[in-house]
């Protein structure tokens, strides 16, 4: 338990607390003197040094390492992205929906999660929403929807609408028992308590700095479980995916062991064609989105290459 003096010392780092009672961290956290100083340092380095990329990359890597330590991951399992939306899209674009078309998520997900996965419907995704019961989603509803057709279960740690906290351990076990991946969106909670992605047995984890990490917009993190990295094939690329020898080439696209973009050799590596293959004709005719349900569909045998 913190003493009053310790609490006051922390509060003194946030100038807005001197004149306002701040109740909007669920949207954007208050600005601390440390974050403001970071902005000034960046602008100062730009003014004084021009384009000190080596310095900026050092700060970039320091942030990646610090976040990895915070969630009990290795830096090679973490990518910095501009938003959680970008991170979800990165994963969605790397998956193959031919053998397991179903994407399962509860009705309590933040709209971003639904929008991104619904955008995968033309590629064969069958998005199904697990129905809520009042202000909670019973585990039985997840059990009835998740089956051997399920590729991934998207889960919010805390609901943005009512504060309902998901039983991550139980849902993760249900998903993994069916051979499905689990993606945890922790934007609404990250920074309020310790996080251990290994103990939680997560496949993918996303969070951003805007809320309870008390940082600026435009900065988020994507964790990918190490064993999955070689199995994911990117369909989203940038110049930062290329090693230095190829930064002037537009005709080659190898993975880079030094890239810090979401699809890097140390975070993603293109090793197979399965994830970028188009859906089969049967998958392409699947319904884009199913209404909220708690009933199971007939399972198909699990794929060998795309289970956790």
Protein backbone atom coordinates (compact mmCIF):
# COMPACT_ATOMS: atom_id res chain seq x y z
CA UNK A 1 0.00 0.00 0.00
CA UNK A 2 1.36 3.40 -0.98
CA UNK A 3 1.66 6.11 1.62
CA UNK A 4 -0.01 9.51 1.16
CA UNK A 5 3.34 11.09 0.41
CA UNK A 6 4.08 8.52 -2.27
CA UNK A 7 0.66 9.06 -3.87
CA UNK A 8 1.17 12.81 -3.82
CA UNK A 9 4.62 12.42 -5.39
CA UNK A 10 3.12 10.41 -8.25
CA UNK A 11 0.25 12.85 -8.72
CA UNK A 12 2.68 15.75 -8.86
CA UNK A 13 4.05 14.31 -12.14
CA UNK A 14 0.71 15.12 -13.85
CA UNK A 15 0.16 18.89 -14.07
CA UNK A 16 -3.52 18.56 -14.97
CA UNK A 17 -4.23 17.07 -11.52
CA UNK A 18 -3.51 20.47 -9.99
CA UNK A 19 -6.68 21.92 -11.50
CA UNK A 20 -8.92 19.03 -12.57
CA UNK A 21 -10.31 15.72 -11.33
CA UNK A 22 -9.35 13.46 -14.23
CA UNK A 23 -11.87 10.72 -15.01
CA UNK A 24 -11.20 10.09 -18.71
CA UNK A 25 -8.31 7.61 -18.74
CA UNK A 26 -10.62 5.08 -20.40
CA UNK A 27 -10.34 7.35 -23.46
CA UNK A 28 -6.92 8.96 -23.07
CA UNK A 29 -4.64 9.05 -20.06
CA UNK A 30 -3.41 12.32 -18.52
CA UNK A 31 -0.10 13.77 -19.67
CA UNK A 32 2.83 13.31 -17.28
CA UNK A 33 5.95 15.43 -17.12
CA UNK A 34 8.00 12.42 -18.26
CA UNK A 35 5.98 11.96 -21.47
CA UNK A 36 6.03 15.69 -22.17
CA UNK A 37 9.80 15.69 -21.68
CA UNK A 38 10.08 12.84 -24.16
CA UNK A 39 8.30 14.90 -26.80
CA UNK A 40 10.61 17.84 -26.15
CA UNK A 41 13.68 15.58 -26.37
CA UNK A 42 12.53 14.22 -29.72
CA UNK A 43 11.90 17.69 -31.16
CA UNK A 44 15.21 18.92 -29.75
CA UNK A 45 17.13 16.06 -31.35
CA UNK A 46 15.40 16.82 -34.65
CA UNK A 47 16.34 20.49 -34.39
CA UNK A 48 19.92 19.97 -33.27
CA UNK A 49 20.95 16.77 -35.06
CA UNK A 50 18.79 16.82 -38.17
CA UNK A 51 17.94 13.16 -38.65
CA UNK A 52 19.65 11.07 -35.96
CA UNK A 53 18.12 7.77 -37.02
CA UNK A 54 20.52 5.67 -34.96
CA UNK A 55 19.49 7.55 -31.83
CA UNK A 56 15.80 7.24 -32.64
CA UNK A 57 16.09 3.52 -33.38
CA UNK A 58 17.83 3.07 -30.02
CA UNK A 59 14.83 4.63 -28.29
CA UNK A 60 12.51 2.51 -30.44
CA UNK A 61 14.27 -0.69 -29.44
CA UNK A 62 14.38 0.40 -25.80
CA UNK A 63 10.60 0.78 -25.85
CA UNK A 64 10.15 -2.61 -27.47
CA UNK A 65 12.41 -4.25 -24.89
CA UNK A 66 10.71 -2.49 -21.97
CA UNK A 67 7.26 -3.58 -23.10
CA UNK A 68 8.47 -7.15 -23.66
CA UNK A 69 9.77 -7.24 -20.09
CA UNK A 70 6.50 -5.77 -18.82
CA UNK A 71 4.45 -8.65 -20.32
CA UNK A 72 7.10 -11.37 -19.71
CA UNK A 73 8.00 -11.85 -23.37
CA UNK A 74 11.22 -11.60 -25.34
CA UNK A 75 11.80 -8.52 -27.51
CA UNK A 76 11.79 -10.73 -30.62
CA UNK A 77 8.18 -11.62 -29.84
CA UNK A 78 7.09 -7.97 -29.77
CA UNK A 79 6.53 -5.52 -32.60
CA UNK A 80 5.78 -1.83 -32.31
CA UNK A 81 2.79 -0.79 -34.40
CA UNK A 82 0.97 2.47 -34.90
CA UNK A 83 -2.29 1.17 -33.44
CA UNK A 84 -3.99 -1.97 -32.22
CA UNK A 85 -5.95 -1.89 -35.47
CA UNK A 86 -2.69 -2.20 -37.40
CA UNK A 87 -1.62 -5.11 -35.21
CA UNK A 88 -4.89 -7.01 -35.66
CA UNK A 89 -4.76 -6.42 -39.41
CA UNK A 90 -1.22 -7.75 -39.50
CA UNK A 91 -2.30 -11.03 -37.95
CA UNK A 92 -5.53 -11.29 -39.93
CA UNK A 93 -3.69 -10.82 -43.22
CA UNK A 94 -1.30 -13.65 -42.38
CA UNK A 95 -3.94 -16.29 -41.69
CA UNK A 96 -5.53 -18.84 -44.00
CA UNK A 97 -9.26 -19.45 -43.63
CA UNK A 98 -9.62 -22.42 -46.00
CA UNK A 99 -9.52 -25.27 -43.50
CA UNK A 100 -10.71 -23.34 -40.45
CA UNK A 101 -12.87 -20.43 -41.55
CA UNK A 102 -14.47 -19.50 -38.23
CA UNK A 103 -13.44 -16.40 -36.29
CA UNK A 104 -15.12 -16.24 -32.88
CA UNK A 105 -15.52 -13.20 -30.65
CA UNK A 106 -17.95 -12.02 -28.01
CA UNK A 107 -20.44 -9.22 -28.32
CA UNK A 108 -18.34 -7.16 -25.89
CA UNK A 109 -15.38 -6.63 -28.22
CA UNK A 110 -14.27 -3.12 -29.13
CA UNK A 111 -15.61 -2.25 -32.62
CA UNK A 112 -12.10 -2.33 -34.10
CA UNK A 113 -11.89 -6.07 -33.49
CA UNK A 114 -15.15 -6.77 -35.27
CA UNK A 115 -14.41 -4.43 -38.15
CA UNK A 116 -11.00 -5.95 -38.89
CA UNK A 117 -12.19 -9.53 -38.86
CA UNK A 118 -15.35 -8.76 -40.83
CA UNK A 119 -13.00 -7.29 -43.41
CA UNK A 120 -11.55 -10.78 -43.85
CA UNK A 121 -14.88 -12.22 -45.03
CA UNK A 122 -13.99 -11.89 -48.73
CA UNK A 123 -10.96 -14.09 -47.97
CA UNK A 124 -13.19 -16.78 -46.50
CA UNK A 125 -13.58 -15.83 -42.84
CA UNK A 126 -16.85 -16.76 -41.14
CA UNK A 127 -17.17 -14.32 -38.25
CA UNK A 128 -19.41 -15.43 -35.39
CA UNK A 129 -20.28 -13.35 -32.33
CA UNK A 130 -20.88 -15.05 -28.99
CA UNK A 131 -24.09 -13.79 -27.44
CA UNK A 132 -23.99 -11.99 -24.09
CA UNK A 133 -26.32 -12.62 -21.19
CA UNK A 134 -26.89 -9.23 -19.61
CA UNK A 135 -23.52 -7.71 -18.68
CA UNK A 136 -21.53 -10.92 -19.04
CA UNK A 137 -20.85 -13.68 -21.54
CA UNK A 138 -21.19 -17.13 -19.93
CA UNK A 139 -18.38 -19.57 -20.65
CA UNK A 140 -20.96 -22.04 -21.90
CA UNK A 141 -21.75 -19.71 -24.77
CA UNK A 142 -18.10 -19.81 -25.85
CA UNK A 143 -18.06 -23.59 -25.49
CA UNK A 144 -21.06 -23.88 -27.79
CA UNK A 145 -19.55 -21.74 -30.54
CA UNK A 146 -15.85 -22.70 -30.51
CA UNK A 147 -15.25 -25.93 -32.42
CA UNK A 148 -12.75 -27.58 -34.78
CA UNK A 149 -13.73 -25.13 -37.52
CA UNK A 150 -12.48 -22.23 -35.37
CA UNK A 151 -9.21 -20.64 -36.44
CA UNK A 152 -8.97 -17.87 -33.87
CA UNK A 153 -10.83 -16.52 -30.85
CA UNK A 154 -10.58 -12.77 -30.31
CA UNK A 155 -11.09 -11.71 -26.72
CA UNK A 156 -11.15 -8.43 -24.85
CA UNK A 157 -9.65 -8.41 -21.37
CA UNK A 158 -12.09 -5.75 -20.18
CA UNK A 159 -15.23 -4.66 -22.02
CA UNK A 160 -15.12 -1.02 -23.09
CA UNK A 161 -18.88 -0.62 -22.54
CA UNK A 162 -19.53 -2.05 -19.08
CA UNK A 163 -16.17 -2.98 -17.55
CA UNK A 164 -16.93 -6.71 -17.62
CA UNK A 165 -13.72 -8.71 -17.18
CA UNK A 166 -13.30 -11.79 -19.37
CA UNK A 167 -12.25 -15.14 -17.92
CA UNK A 168 -9.19 -15.24 -20.15
CA UNK A 169 -7.78 -18.48 -18.75
CA UNK A 170 -11.03 -20.40 -19.26
CA UNK A 171 -11.72 -19.08 -22.76
CA UNK A 172 -8.11 -19.71 -23.76
CA UNK A 173 -8.36 -23.31 -22.59
CA UNK A 174 -11.59 -23.83 -24.54
CA UNK A 175 -10.00 -22.38 -27.68
CA UNK A 176 -6.77 -24.33 -27.39
CA UNK A 177 -8.63 -27.57 -26.73
CA UNK A 178 -10.27 -27.02 -30.11
CA UNK A 179 -6.93 -26.18 -31.75
CA UNK A 180 -7.72 -22.48 -32.18
CA UNK A 181 -5.57 -19.44 -31.60
CA UNK A 182 -6.35 -16.82 -28.96
CA UNK A 183 -5.86 -13.09 -29.47
CA UNK A 184 -6.24 -10.89 -26.39
CA UNK A 185 -7.02 -7.20 -26.80
CA UNK A 186 -5.80 -5.60 -23.58
CA UNK A 187 -6.09 -1.93 -24.54
CA UNK A 188 -8.80 -1.32 -21.93
CA UNK A 189 -6.72 -2.73 -19.06
CA UNK A 190 -2.99 -2.75 -19.84
CA UNK A 191 -1.16 -0.66 -17.27
CA UNK A 192 -3.53 -1.31 -14.39
CA UNK A 193 -2.01 -4.63 -13.26
CA UNK A 194 0.90 -6.99 -14.09
CA UNK A 195 0.60 -9.02 -17.30
CA UNK A 196 2.27 -12.36 -18.05
CA UNK A 197 1.50 -13.55 -21.57
CA UNK A 198 3.33 -16.83 -20.94
CA UNK A 199 1.33 -17.70 -17.84
CA UNK A 200 -1.85 -16.73 -19.72
CA UNK A 201 -0.79 -19.02 -22.60
CA UNK A 202 -1.71 -16.42 -25.21
CA UNK A 203 -0.91 -16.67 -28.91
CA UNK A 204 -1.38 -12.97 -29.70
CA UNK A 205 -1.60 -9.97 -27.39
CA UNK A 206 -2.22 -6.32 -28.21
CA UNK A 207 -2.18 -3.11 -26.23
CA UNK A 208 -1.53 0.58 -26.78
CA UNK A 209 -0.12 3.42 -24.75
CA UNK A 210 -3.00 5.87 -25.05
CA UNK A 211 -4.99 4.81 -21.99
CA UNK A 212 -3.60 3.28 -18.79
CA UNK A 213 -0.01 3.13 -20.01
CA UNK A 214 -0.30 6.94 -19.91
CA UNK A 215 1.44 7.51 -23.22
CA UNK A 216 0.65 9.28 -26.49
CA UNK A 217 -1.51 8.12 -29.39
CA UNK A 218 0.12 6.44 -32.37
CA UNK A 219 2.01 3.83 -30.35
CA UNK A 220 0.91 0.24 -29.72
CA UNK A 221 2.43 -3.20 -29.28
CA UNK A 222 1.81 -6.61 -30.81
CA UNK A 223 3.00 -9.82 -29.14
CA UNK A 224 3.23 -13.09 -31.09
CA UNK A 225 4.09 -16.38 -29.39
CA UNK A 226 7.57 -17.42 -30.50
CA UNK A 227 6.58 -20.83 -31.88
CA UNK A 228 4.04 -19.24 -34.22
CA UNK A 229 6.44 -16.76 -35.80
CA UNK A 230 7.80 -19.09 -38.53
CA UNK A 231 4.29 -20.25 -39.49
CA UNK A 232 2.87 -16.82 -40.35
CA UNK A 233 3.21 -15.42 -43.85
CA UNK A 234 2.84 -11.65 -44.24
CA UNK A 235 0.76 -9.96 -46.88
CA UNK A 236 1.47 -6.48 -45.48
CA UNK A 237 4.98 -5.14 -46.04
CA UNK A 238 7.03 -1.97 -45.88
CA UNK A 239 10.59 -0.87 -46.61
CA UNK A 240 11.48 -1.65 -43.00
CA UNK A 241 11.03 -5.34 -43.77
CA UNK A 242 14.12 -5.28 -45.96
CA UNK A 243 17.75 -5.62 -44.88
CA UNK A 244 20.05 -2.64 -45.55
CA UNK A 245 21.39 -4.18 -48.77
CA UNK A 246 17.91 -4.08 -50.32
CA UNK A 247 16.54 -0.74 -49.17
CA UNK A 248 17.03 0.63 -52.70
CA UNK A 249 15.37 -2.34 -54.41
CA UNK A 250 11.67 -2.61 -55.23
CA UNK A 251 11.97 -6.03 -56.86
CA UNK A 252 12.90 -8.27 -53.92
CA UNK A 253 11.00 -9.00 -50.72
CA UNK A 254 13.04 -11.11 -48.26
CA UNK A 255 12.43 -11.06 -44.52
CA UNK A 256 14.94 -9.18 -42.45
CA UNK A 257 16.45 -10.34 -39.15
CA UNK A 258 16.92 -6.72 -38.08
CA UNK A 259 13.59 -5.19 -39.06
CA UNK A 260 11.41 -3.81 -36.29
CA UNK A 261 8.22 -3.73 -38.32
CA UNK A 262 5.37 -6.16 -37.46
CA UNK A 263 6.47 -8.67 -40.11
CA UNK A 264 10.16 -9.08 -39.41
CA UNK A 265 12.27 -12.20 -39.28
CA UNK A 266 12.32 -11.89 -35.50
CA UNK A 267 8.57 -11.39 -35.28
CA UNK A 268 7.21 -12.88 -38.50
CA UNK A 269 8.93 -14.85 -41.21
CA UNK A 270 7.50 -15.88 -44.59
CA UNK A 271 8.16 -19.61 -44.65
CA UNK A 272 5.07 -21.04 -46.35
CA UNK A 273 2.51 -20.12 -48.98
CA UNK A 274 -0.51 -21.41 -47.04
CA UNK A 275 -1.34 -18.19 -45.27
CA UNK A 276 -1.48 -16.15 -48.45
CA UNK A 277 -3.30 -18.66 -50.64
CA UNK A 278 -6.79 -17.64 -51.73
CA UNK A 279 -9.75 -19.38 -50.12
CA UNK A 280 -11.31 -22.34 -51.88
CA UNK A 281 -14.59 -21.90 -53.70
CA UNK A 282 -16.53 -23.43 -50.83
CA UNK A 283 -14.97 -21.04 -48.33
CA UNK A 284 -15.61 -18.05 -50.55
CA UNK A 285 -19.34 -18.81 -50.46
CA UNK A 286 -19.54 -18.97 -46.70
CA UNK A 287 -21.68 -16.30 -45.02
CA UNK A 288 -19.61 -13.25 -44.14
CA UNK A 289 -20.99 -12.85 -40.67
CA UNK A 290 -23.20 -14.94 -38.45
CA UNK A 291 -25.58 -13.40 -35.94
CA UNK A 292 -24.73 -13.71 -32.24
CA UNK A 293 -25.13 -17.34 -31.30
CA UNK A 294 -24.40 -19.87 -28.61
CA UNK A 295 -24.96 -22.99 -30.71
CA UNK A 296 -22.19 -25.13 -32.12
CA UNK A 297 -21.69 -26.03 -35.78
CA UNK A 298 -20.42 -29.29 -37.19
CA UNK A 299 -16.65 -29.60 -36.77
CA UNK A 300 -14.12 -30.52 -39.43
CA UNK A 301 -10.74 -32.15 -38.76
CA UNK A 302 -8.18 -29.64 -37.45
CA UNK A 303 -5.43 -28.51 -39.81
CA UNK A 304 -1.89 -29.64 -39.12
CA UNK A 305 -0.17 -26.32 -39.80
CA UNK A 306 -2.45 -23.75 -38.20
CA UNK A 307 -3.18 -24.72 -34.64
CA UNK A 308 -1.52 -23.35 -31.54
